[in-house]
All heavy atoms as atom14 arrays in JSON, in Angstrom:
{
  "sequence": "KWNDKSWQKDFLNMKSHSLADAKLLMGGVKGLKDAWRLGV",
  "atom14_mask": [
    [1, 1, 1, 1, 1, 1, 1, 1, 1, 0, 0, 0, 0, 0],
    [1, 1, 1, 1, 1, 1, 1, 1, 1, 1, 1, 1, 1, 1],
    [1, 1, 1, 1, 1, 1, 1, 1, 0, 0, 0, 0, 0, 0],
    [1, 1, 1, 1, 1, 1, 1, 1, 0, 0, 0, 0, 0, 0],
    [1, 1, 1, 1, 1, 1, 1, 1, 1, 0, 0, 0, 0, 0],
    [1, 1, 1, 1, 1, 1, 0, 0, 0, 0, 0, 0, 0, 0],
    [1, 1, 1, 1, 1, 1, 1, 1, 1, 1, 1, 1, 1, 1],
    [1, 1, 1, 1, 1, 1, 1, 1, 1, 0, 0, 0, 0, 0],
    [1, 1, 1, 1, 1, 1, 1, 1, 1, 0, 0, 0, 0, 0],
    [1, 1, 1, 1, 1, 1, 1, 1, 0, 0, 0, 0, 0, 0],
    [1, 1, 1, 1, 1, 1, 1, 1, 1, 1, 1, 0, 0, 0],
    [1, 1, 1, 1, 1, 1, 1, 1, 0, 0, 0, 0, 0, 0],
    [1, 1, 1, 1, 1, 1, 1, 1, 0, 0, 0, 0, 0, 0],
    [1, 1, 1, 1, 1, 1, 1, 1, 0, 0, 0, 0, 0, 0],
    [1, 1, 1, 1, 1, 1, 1, 1, 1, 0, 0, 0, 0, 0],
    [1, 1, 1, 1, 1, 1, 0, 0, 0, 0, 0, 0, 0, 0],
    [1, 1, 1, 1, 1, 1, 1, 1, 1, 1, 0, 0, 0, 0],
    [1, 1, 1, 1, 1, 1, 0, 0, 0, 0, 0, 0, 0, 0],
    [1, 1, 1, 1, 1, 1, 1, 1, 0, 0, 0, 0, 0, 0],
    [1, 1, 1, 1, 1, 0, 0, 0, 0, 0, 0, 0, 0, 0],
    [1, 1, 1, 1, 1, 1, 1, 1, 0, 0, 0, 0, 0, 0],
    [1, 1, 1, 1, 1, 0, 0, 0, 0, 0, 0, 0, 0, 0],
    [1, 1, 1, 1, 1, 1, 1, 1, 1, 0, 0, 0, 0, 0],
    [1, 1, 1, 1, 1, 1, 1, 1, 0, 0, 0, 0, 0, 0],
    [1, 1, 1, 1, 1, 1, 1, 1, 0, 0, 0, 0, 0, 0],
    [1, 1, 1, 1, 1, 1, 1, 1, 0, 0, 0, 0, 0, 0],
    [1, 1, 1, 1, 0, 0, 0, 0, 0, 0, 0, 0, 0, 0],
    [1, 1, 1, 1, 0, 0, 0, 0, 0, 0, 0, 0, 0, 0],
    [1, 1, 1, 1, 1, 1, 1, 0, 0, 0, 0, 0, 0, 0],
    [1, 1, 1, 1, 1, 1, 1, 1, 1, 0, 0, 0, 0, 0],
    [1, 1, 1, 1, 0, 0, 0, 0, 0, 0, 0, 0, 0, 0],
    [1, 1, 1, 1, 1, 1, 1, 1, 0, 0, 0, 0, 0, 0],
    [1, 1, 1, 1, 1, 1, 1, 1, 1, 0, 0, 0, 0, 0],
    [1, 1, 1, 1, 1, 1, 1, 1, 0, 0, 0, 0, 0, 0],
    [1, 1, 1, 1, 1, 0, 0, 0, 0, 0, 0, 0, 0, 0],
    [1, 1, 1, 1, 1, 1, 1, 1, 1, 1, 1, 1, 1, 1],
    [1, 1, 1, 1, 1, 1, 1, 1, 1, 1, 1, 0, 0, 0],
    [1, 1, 1, 1, 1, 1, 1, 1, 0, 0, 0, 0, 0, 0],
    [1, 1, 1, 1, 0, 0, 0, 0, 0, 0, 0, 0, 0, 0],
    [1, 1, 1, 1, 1, 1, 1, 0, 0, 0, 0, 0, 0, 0]
  ],
  "atom14_positions": [
    [[-58.82, 94.39, 70.95], [-58.68, 95.85, 70.82], [-59.25, 96.42, 72.05], [-60.47, 96.5, 72.24], [-59.42, 96.32, 69.61], [-58.8, 95.86, 68.27], [-59.55, 96.39, 67.13], [-58.96, 95.92, 65.83], [-59.71, 96.38, 64.68], [0.0, 0.0, 0.0], [0.0, 0.0, 0.0], [0.0, 0.0, 0.0], [0.0, 0.0, 0.0], [0.0, 0.0, 0.0]],
    [[-58.41, 96.88, 72.99], [-58.87, 97.31, 74.28], [-59.68, 98.6, 74.25], [-60.44, 98.97, 75.05], [-57.71, 97.47, 75.22], [-57.07, 96.15, 75.52], [-55.85, 95.7, 75.03], [-57.64, 95.05, 76.25], [-55.55, 94.44, 75.44], [-56.67, 93.94, 76.18], [-58.82, 94.82, 76.87], [-56.91, 92.77, 76.78], [-58.99, 93.59, 77.49], [-58.08, 92.57, 77.45]],
    [[-59.49, 99.34, 73.12], [-60.22, 100.57, 72.97], [-61.42, 100.41, 72.12], [-62.14, 101.38, 71.79], [-59.33, 101.74, 72.44], [-58.74, 101.35, 71.09], [-58.92, 100.25, 70.61], [-58.03, 102.26, 70.47], [0.0, 0.0, 0.0], [0.0, 0.0, 0.0], [0.0, 0.0, 0.0], [0.0, 0.0, 0.0], [0.0, 0.0, 0.0], [0.0, 0.0, 0.0]],
    [[-61.8, 99.21, 71.75], [-63.0, 98.92, 70.96], [-64.26, 99.09, 71.85], [-64.45, 98.38, 72.77], [-62.9, 97.53, 70.36], [-64.11, 97.19, 69.49], [-64.78, 98.13, 69.08], [-64.35, 95.98, 69.31], [0.0, 0.0, 0.0], [0.0, 0.0, 0.0], [0.0, 0.0, 0.0], [0.0, 0.0, 0.0], [0.0, 0.0, 0.0], [0.0, 0.0, 0.0]],
    [[-65.13, 100.03, 71.44], [-66.29, 100.3, 72.27], [-67.58, 99.82, 71.58], [-68.69, 100.2, 71.98], [-66.38, 101.78, 72.54], [-65.34, 102.28, 73.49], [-65.56, 103.67, 73.87], [-64.53, 104.14, 74.91], [-64.82, 105.37, 75.5], [0.0, 0.0, 0.0], [0.0, 0.0, 0.0], [0.0, 0.0, 0.0], [0.0, 0.0, 0.0], [0.0, 0.0, 0.0]],
    [[-67.45, 98.97, 70.58], [-68.67, 98.54, 69.83], [-69.6, 97.76, 70.72], [-70.85, 97.97, 70.62], [-68.28, 97.75, 68.63], [-67.58, 96.6, 69.0], [0.0, 0.0, 0.0], [0.0, 0.0, 0.0], [0.0, 0.0, 0.0], [0.0, 0.0, 0.0], [0.0, 0.0, 0.0], [0.0, 0.0, 0.0], [0.0, 0.0, 0.0], [0.0, 0.0, 0.0]],
    [[-69.08, 96.95, 71.61], [-69.99, 96.21, 72.47], [-70.72, 97.14, 73.42], [-71.84, 96.9, 73.85], [-69.25, 95.08, 73.28], [-68.38, 95.57, 74.44], [-67.04, 95.88, 74.34], [-68.79, 95.74, 75.73], [-66.59, 96.28, 75.58], [-67.66, 96.21, 76.42], [-69.96, 95.61, 76.44], [-67.7, 96.51, 77.82], [-70.02, 95.91, 77.79], [-68.86, 96.4, 78.43]],
    [[-70.06, 98.2, 73.85], [-70.66, 99.11, 74.82], [-71.8, 99.87, 74.09], [-72.89, 100.06, 74.77], [-69.64, 100.15, 75.33], [-68.61, 99.47, 76.25], [-67.23, 100.06, 76.1], [-66.65, 100.14, 75.06], [-66.68, 100.46, 77.25], [0.0, 0.0, 0.0], [0.0, 0.0, 0.0], [0.0, 0.0, 0.0], [0.0, 0.0, 0.0], [0.0, 0.0, 0.0]],
    [[-71.7, 100.27, 72.93], [-72.77, 100.92, 72.2], [-73.9, 99.93, 72.01], [-75.07, 100.31, 72.16], [-72.27, 101.42, 70.83], [-71.31, 102.61, 70.96], [-70.78, 103.02, 69.6], [-69.75, 104.05, 69.7], [-69.14, 104.35, 68.41], [0.0, 0.0, 0.0], [0.0, 0.0, 0.0], [0.0, 0.0, 0.0], [0.0, 0.0, 0.0], [0.0, 0.0, 0.0]],
    [[-73.6, 98.73, 71.64], [-74.63, 97.71, 71.43], [-75.35, 97.42, 72.82], [-76.61, 97.31, 72.8], [-73.94, 96.43, 70.99], [-74.9, 95.37, 70.48], [-76.04, 95.73, 70.08], [-74.61, 94.16, 70.53], [0.0, 0.0, 0.0], [0.0, 0.0, 0.0], [0.0, 0.0, 0.0], [0.0, 0.0, 0.0], [0.0, 0.0, 0.0], [0.0, 0.0, 0.0]],
    [[-74.63, 97.35, 73.84], [-75.22, 97.07, 75.21], [-76.09, 98.24, 75.66], [-77.1, 97.97, 76.3], [-74.1, 96.79, 76.19], [-74.56, 96.28, 77.52], [-75.55, 95.3, 77.6], [-74.02, 96.76, 78.68], [-75.96, 94.8, 78.83], [-74.45, 96.26, 79.91], [-75.44, 95.28, 79.99], [0.0, 0.0, 0.0], [0.0, 0.0, 0.0], [0.0, 0.0, 0.0]],
    [[-75.79, 99.46, 75.32], [-76.58, 100.64, 75.68], [-77.94, 100.52, 75.06], [-78.97, 100.92, 75.64], [-75.91, 101.91, 75.28], [-74.82, 102.44, 76.24], [-74.08, 103.57, 75.53], [-75.43, 102.86, 77.57], [0.0, 0.0, 0.0], [0.0, 0.0, 0.0], [0.0, 0.0, 0.0], [0.0, 0.0, 0.0], [0.0, 0.0, 0.0], [0.0, 0.0, 0.0]],
    [[-78.0, 99.87, 73.88], [-79.32, 99.78, 73.18], [-80.08, 98.57, 73.54], [-81.26, 98.42, 73.18], [-79.03, 99.83, 71.65], [-78.48, 101.09, 71.21], [-78.91, 102.19, 71.68], [-77.61, 101.09, 70.27], [0.0, 0.0, 0.0], [0.0, 0.0, 0.0], [0.0, 0.0, 0.0], [0.0, 0.0, 0.0], [0.0, 0.0, 0.0], [0.0, 0.0, 0.0]],
    [[-79.45, 97.62, 74.24], [-80.14, 96.34, 74.6], [-81.11, 96.46, 75.82], [-82.1, 95.77, 75.83], [-79.08, 95.25, 74.95], [-78.31, 94.79, 73.77], [-77.02, 93.66, 74.28], [-77.8, 92.13, 73.84], [0.0, 0.0, 0.0], [0.0, 0.0, 0.0], [0.0, 0.0, 0.0], [0.0, 0.0, 0.0], [0.0, 0.0, 0.0], [0.0, 0.0, 0.0]],
    [[-80.81, 97.35, 76.7], [-81.65, 97.48, 77.92], [-81.44, 98.87, 78.51], [-80.56, 99.55, 78.08], [-81.33, 96.41, 78.88], [-79.94, 96.41, 79.45], [-79.73, 95.42, 80.57], [-79.46, 96.19, 81.77], [-79.48, 95.57, 83.0], [0.0, 0.0, 0.0], [0.0, 0.0, 0.0], [0.0, 0.0, 0.0], [0.0, 0.0, 0.0], [0.0, 0.0, 0.0]],
    [[-82.24, 99.19, 79.52], [-82.01, 100.42, 80.22], [-80.97, 100.32, 81.24], [-80.77, 99.2, 81.83], [-83.35, 100.92, 80.86], [-83.79, 100.01, 81.81], [0.0, 0.0, 0.0], [0.0, 0.0, 0.0], [0.0, 0.0, 0.0], [0.0, 0.0, 0.0], [0.0, 0.0, 0.0], [0.0, 0.0, 0.0], [0.0, 0.0, 0.0], [0.0, 0.0, 0.0]],
    [[-80.25, 101.39, 81.52], [-79.12, 101.36, 82.44], [-79.21, 102.5, 83.42], [-79.91, 103.55, 83.16], [-77.82, 101.52, 81.71], [-77.52, 100.42, 80.75], [-76.94, 99.23, 81.15], [-77.7, 100.34, 79.41], [-76.8, 98.41, 80.17], [-77.27, 99.1, 78.99], [0.0, 0.0, 0.0], [0.0, 0.0, 0.0], [0.0, 0.0, 0.0], [0.0, 0.0, 0.0]],
    [[-78.57, 102.36, 84.54], [-78.51, 103.5, 85.54], [-77.65, 104.6, 84.87], [-76.89, 104.35, 83.96], [-77.88, 103.01, 86.81], [-76.48, 102.73, 86.63], [0.0, 0.0, 0.0], [0.0, 0.0, 0.0], [0.0, 0.0, 0.0], [0.0, 0.0, 0.0], [0.0, 0.0, 0.0], [0.0, 0.0, 0.0], [0.0, 0.0, 0.0], [0.0, 0.0, 0.0]],
    [[-77.81, 105.77, 85.44], [-77.04, 106.9, 84.89], [-75.53, 106.67, 85.02], [-74.76, 106.92, 84.11], [-77.45, 108.18, 85.64], [-76.73, 109.48, 85.15], [-77.03, 109.69, 83.66], [-77.17, 110.64, 86.0], [0.0, 0.0, 0.0], [0.0, 0.0, 0.0], [0.0, 0.0, 0.0], [0.0, 0.0, 0.0], [0.0, 0.0, 0.0], [0.0, 0.0, 0.0]],
    [[-75.14, 106.07, 86.17], [-73.7, 105.79, 86.37], [-73.15, 104.8, 85.41], [-72.04, 104.95, 84.84], [-73.42, 105.32, 87.78], [0.0, 0.0, 0.0], [0.0, 0.0, 0.0], [0.0, 0.0, 0.0], [0.0, 0.0, 0.0], [0.0, 0.0, 0.0], [0.0, 0.0, 0.0], [0.0, 0.0, 0.0], [0.0, 0.0, 0.0], [0.0, 0.0, 0.0]],
    [[-73.92, 103.73, 85.14], [-73.5, 102.71, 84.16], [-73.46, 103.27, 82.75], [-72.54, 102.98, 81.98], [-74.44, 101.51, 84.25], [-74.15, 100.65, 85.47], [-73.16, 100.86, 86.23], [-75.02, 99.74, 85.74], [0.0, 0.0, 0.0], [0.0, 0.0, 0.0], [0.0, 0.0, 0.0], [0.0, 0.0, 0.0], [0.0, 0.0, 0.0], [0.0, 0.0, 0.0]],
    [[-74.44, 104.08, 82.42], [-74.48, 104.72, 81.05], [-73.26, 105.56, 80.85], [-72.62, 105.58, 79.76], [-75.7, 105.48, 80.8], [0.0, 0.0, 0.0], [0.0, 0.0, 0.0], [0.0, 0.0, 0.0], [0.0, 0.0, 0.0], [0.0, 0.0, 0.0], [0.0, 0.0, 0.0], [0.0, 0.0, 0.0], [0.0, 0.0, 0.0], [0.0, 0.0, 0.0]],
    [[-72.9, 106.35, 81.9], [-71.67, 107.23, 81.79], [-70.42, 106.38, 81.59], [-69.55, 106.77, 80.87], [-71.6, 108.12, 83.01], [-72.47, 109.28, 83.09], [-72.17, 110.14, 84.31], [-72.99, 111.4, 84.39], [-72.75, 112.15, 85.6], [0.0, 0.0, 0.0], [0.0, 0.0, 0.0], [0.0, 0.0, 0.0], [0.0, 0.0, 0.0], [0.0, 0.0, 0.0]],
    [[-70.37, 105.35, 82.36], [-69.18, 104.47, 82.26], [-69.1, 103.83, 80.9], [-68.03, 103.79, 80.32], [-69.27, 103.35, 83.37], [-68.18, 102.36, 83.42], [-66.79, 103.02, 83.67], [-68.44, 101.31, 84.47], [0.0, 0.0, 0.0], [0.0, 0.0, 0.0], [0.0, 0.0, 0.0], [0.0, 0.0, 0.0], [0.0, 0.0, 0.0], [0.0, 0.0, 0.0]],
    [[-70.19, 103.36, 80.4], [-70.18, 102.76, 79.09], [-69.83, 103.76, 78.0], [-69.17, 103.39, 77.01], [-71.55, 102.11, 78.75], [-71.87, 100.87, 79.55], [-73.39, 100.52, 79.47], [-71.05, 99.7, 79.08], [0.0, 0.0, 0.0], [0.0, 0.0, 0.0], [0.0, 0.0, 0.0], [0.0, 0.0, 0.0], [0.0, 0.0, 0.0], [0.0, 0.0, 0.0]],
    [[-70.25, 104.98, 78.13], [-69.98, 106.0, 77.14], [-68.59, 106.69, 77.28], [-67.92, 106.96, 76.35], [-71.04, 107.08, 77.15], [-72.34, 106.61, 76.54], [-73.61, 107.94, 76.41], [-73.91, 108.31, 78.17], [0.0, 0.0, 0.0], [0.0, 0.0, 0.0], [0.0, 0.0, 0.0], [0.0, 0.0, 0.0], [0.0, 0.0, 0.0], [0.0, 0.0, 0.0]],
    [[-68.23, 106.88, 78.57], [-67.02, 107.63, 78.87], [-65.79, 106.84, 79.07], [-64.68, 107.36, 78.85], [0.0, 0.0, 0.0], [0.0, 0.0, 0.0], [0.0, 0.0, 0.0], [0.0, 0.0, 0.0], [0.0, 0.0, 0.0], [0.0, 0.0, 0.0], [0.0, 0.0, 0.0], [0.0, 0.0, 0.0], [0.0, 0.0, 0.0], [0.0, 0.0, 0.0]],
    [[-65.92, 105.67, 79.56], [-64.75, 104.79, 79.76], [-64.32, 104.78, 81.26], [-64.91, 105.39, 82.06], [0.0, 0.0, 0.0], [0.0, 0.0, 0.0], [0.0, 0.0, 0.0], [0.0, 0.0, 0.0], [0.0, 0.0, 0.0], [0.0, 0.0, 0.0], [0.0, 0.0, 0.0], [0.0, 0.0, 0.0], [0.0, 0.0, 0.0], [0.0, 0.0, 0.0]],
    [[-63.29, 104.03, 81.46], [-62.76, 103.78, 82.82], [-61.93, 104.93, 83.29], [-61.08, 105.43, 82.62], [-61.98, 102.43, 82.78], [-61.34, 102.18, 84.11], [-62.82, 101.26, 82.39], [0.0, 0.0, 0.0], [0.0, 0.0, 0.0], [0.0, 0.0, 0.0], [0.0, 0.0, 0.0], [0.0, 0.0, 0.0], [0.0, 0.0, 0.0], [0.0, 0.0, 0.0]],
    [[-62.19, 105.27, 84.61], [-61.4, 106.33, 85.22], [-60.53, 105.77, 86.34], [-59.63, 106.46, 86.87], [-62.29, 107.44, 85.73], [-63.21, 108.03, 84.8], [-62.55, 109.1, 84.03], [-63.44, 109.97, 83.2], [-63.88, 109.34, 81.95], [0.0, 0.0, 0.0], [0.0, 0.0, 0.0], [0.0, 0.0, 0.0], [0.0, 0.0, 0.0], [0.0, 0.0, 0.0]],
    [[-60.78, 104.58, 86.82], [-60.07, 103.98, 87.93], [-60.36, 102.53, 88.07], [-61.06, 101.91, 87.3], [0.0, 0.0, 0.0], [0.0, 0.0, 0.0], [0.0, 0.0, 0.0], [0.0, 0.0, 0.0], [0.0, 0.0, 0.0], [0.0, 0.0, 0.0], [0.0, 0.0, 0.0], [0.0, 0.0, 0.0], [0.0, 0.0, 0.0], [0.0, 0.0, 0.0]],
    [[-59.88, 101.89, 89.14], [-60.02, 100.48, 89.4], [-61.45, 100.12, 89.59], [-61.93, 99.09, 89.08], [-59.15, 100.1, 90.64], [-59.17, 98.57, 91.0], [-58.62, 97.77, 89.87], [-58.39, 98.36, 92.29], [0.0, 0.0, 0.0], [0.0, 0.0, 0.0], [0.0, 0.0, 0.0], [0.0, 0.0, 0.0], [0.0, 0.0, 0.0], [0.0, 0.0, 0.0]],
    [[-62.24, 100.91, 90.34], [-63.62, 100.64, 90.55], [-64.43, 100.62, 89.19], [-65.27, 99.7, 89.05], [-64.21, 101.65, 91.5], [-65.66, 101.41, 91.87], [-66.21, 102.53, 92.79], [-67.64, 102.4, 93.0], [-68.21, 103.54, 93.74], [0.0, 0.0, 0.0], [0.0, 0.0, 0.0], [0.0, 0.0, 0.0], [0.0, 0.0, 0.0], [0.0, 0.0, 0.0]],
    [[-64.14, 101.55, 88.36], [-64.72, 101.57, 87.08], [-64.38, 100.36, 86.24], [-65.2, 99.83, 85.56], [-64.37, 102.89, 86.29], [-64.98, 104.11, 86.85], [-65.89, 104.01, 87.72], [-64.54, 105.18, 86.51], [0.0, 0.0, 0.0], [0.0, 0.0, 0.0], [0.0, 0.0, 0.0], [0.0, 0.0, 0.0], [0.0, 0.0, 0.0], [0.0, 0.0, 0.0]],
    [[-63.1, 99.95, 86.33], [-62.68, 98.75, 85.52], [-63.4, 97.56, 85.99], [-63.84, 96.75, 85.17], [-61.17, 98.62, 85.64], [0.0, 0.0, 0.0], [0.0, 0.0, 0.0], [0.0, 0.0, 0.0], [0.0, 0.0, 0.0], [0.0, 0.0, 0.0], [0.0, 0.0, 0.0], [0.0, 0.0, 0.0], [0.0, 0.0, 0.0], [0.0, 0.0, 0.0]],
    [[-63.6, 97.4, 87.3], [-64.3, 96.31, 87.82], [-65.76, 96.3, 87.34], [-66.29, 95.3, 86.9], [-64.21, 96.28, 89.37], [-65.02, 95.2, 89.98], [-64.64, 93.93, 90.17], [-66.38, 95.29, 90.47], [-65.63, 93.21, 90.78], [-66.73, 94.01, 90.92], [-67.3, 96.35, 90.57], [-67.96, 93.76, 91.52], [-68.53, 96.06, 91.1], [-68.85, 94.8, 91.55]],
    [[-66.39, 97.46, 87.44], [-67.81, 97.55, 87.07], [-67.96, 97.3, 85.55], [-68.96, 96.65, 85.16], [-68.37, 98.96, 87.46], [-69.81, 99.15, 87.14], [-70.7, 98.23, 87.91], [-72.09, 98.31, 87.48], [-72.96, 97.3, 87.55], [-72.64, 96.22, 88.12], [-74.18, 97.51, 87.08], [0.0, 0.0, 0.0], [0.0, 0.0, 0.0], [0.0, 0.0, 0.0]],
    [[-67.09, 97.82, 84.79], [-67.12, 97.6, 83.35], [-66.99, 96.09, 83.0], [-67.71, 95.58, 82.13], [-66.04, 98.37, 82.6], [-66.24, 98.47, 81.08], [-67.5, 99.18, 80.65], [-65.0, 99.21, 80.48], [0.0, 0.0, 0.0], [0.0, 0.0, 0.0], [0.0, 0.0, 0.0], [0.0, 0.0, 0.0], [0.0, 0.0, 0.0], [0.0, 0.0, 0.0]],
    [[-66.2, 95.36, 83.76], [-66.02, 93.94, 83.55], [-67.37, 93.26, 83.88], [-67.82, 92.32, 83.17], [0.0, 0.0, 0.0], [0.0, 0.0, 0.0], [0.0, 0.0, 0.0], [0.0, 0.0, 0.0], [0.0, 0.0, 0.0], [0.0, 0.0, 0.0], [0.0, 0.0, 0.0], [0.0, 0.0, 0.0], [0.0, 0.0, 0.0], [0.0, 0.0, 0.0]],
    [[-68.03, 93.65, 84.92], [-69.32, 93.08, 85.33], [-70.35, 93.36, 84.25], [-71.13, 92.46, 83.87], [-69.76, 93.68, 86.69], [-71.25, 93.28, 86.96], [-68.87, 93.19, 87.79], [0.0, 0.0, 0.0], [0.0, 0.0, 0.0], [0.0, 0.0, 0.0], [0.0, 0.0, 0.0], [0.0, 0.0, 0.0], [0.0, 0.0, 0.0], [0.0, 0.0, 0.0]]
  ]
}
């Protein structure tokens, strides 16, 4: 399920994140760079 964000919510609670990573995890991908970072 490509729109399943349950792992992202879980990951937000596992450790602290940079503001950019937190926005990406909550808001989703906007381009190729975001897709690459989300994969990482």
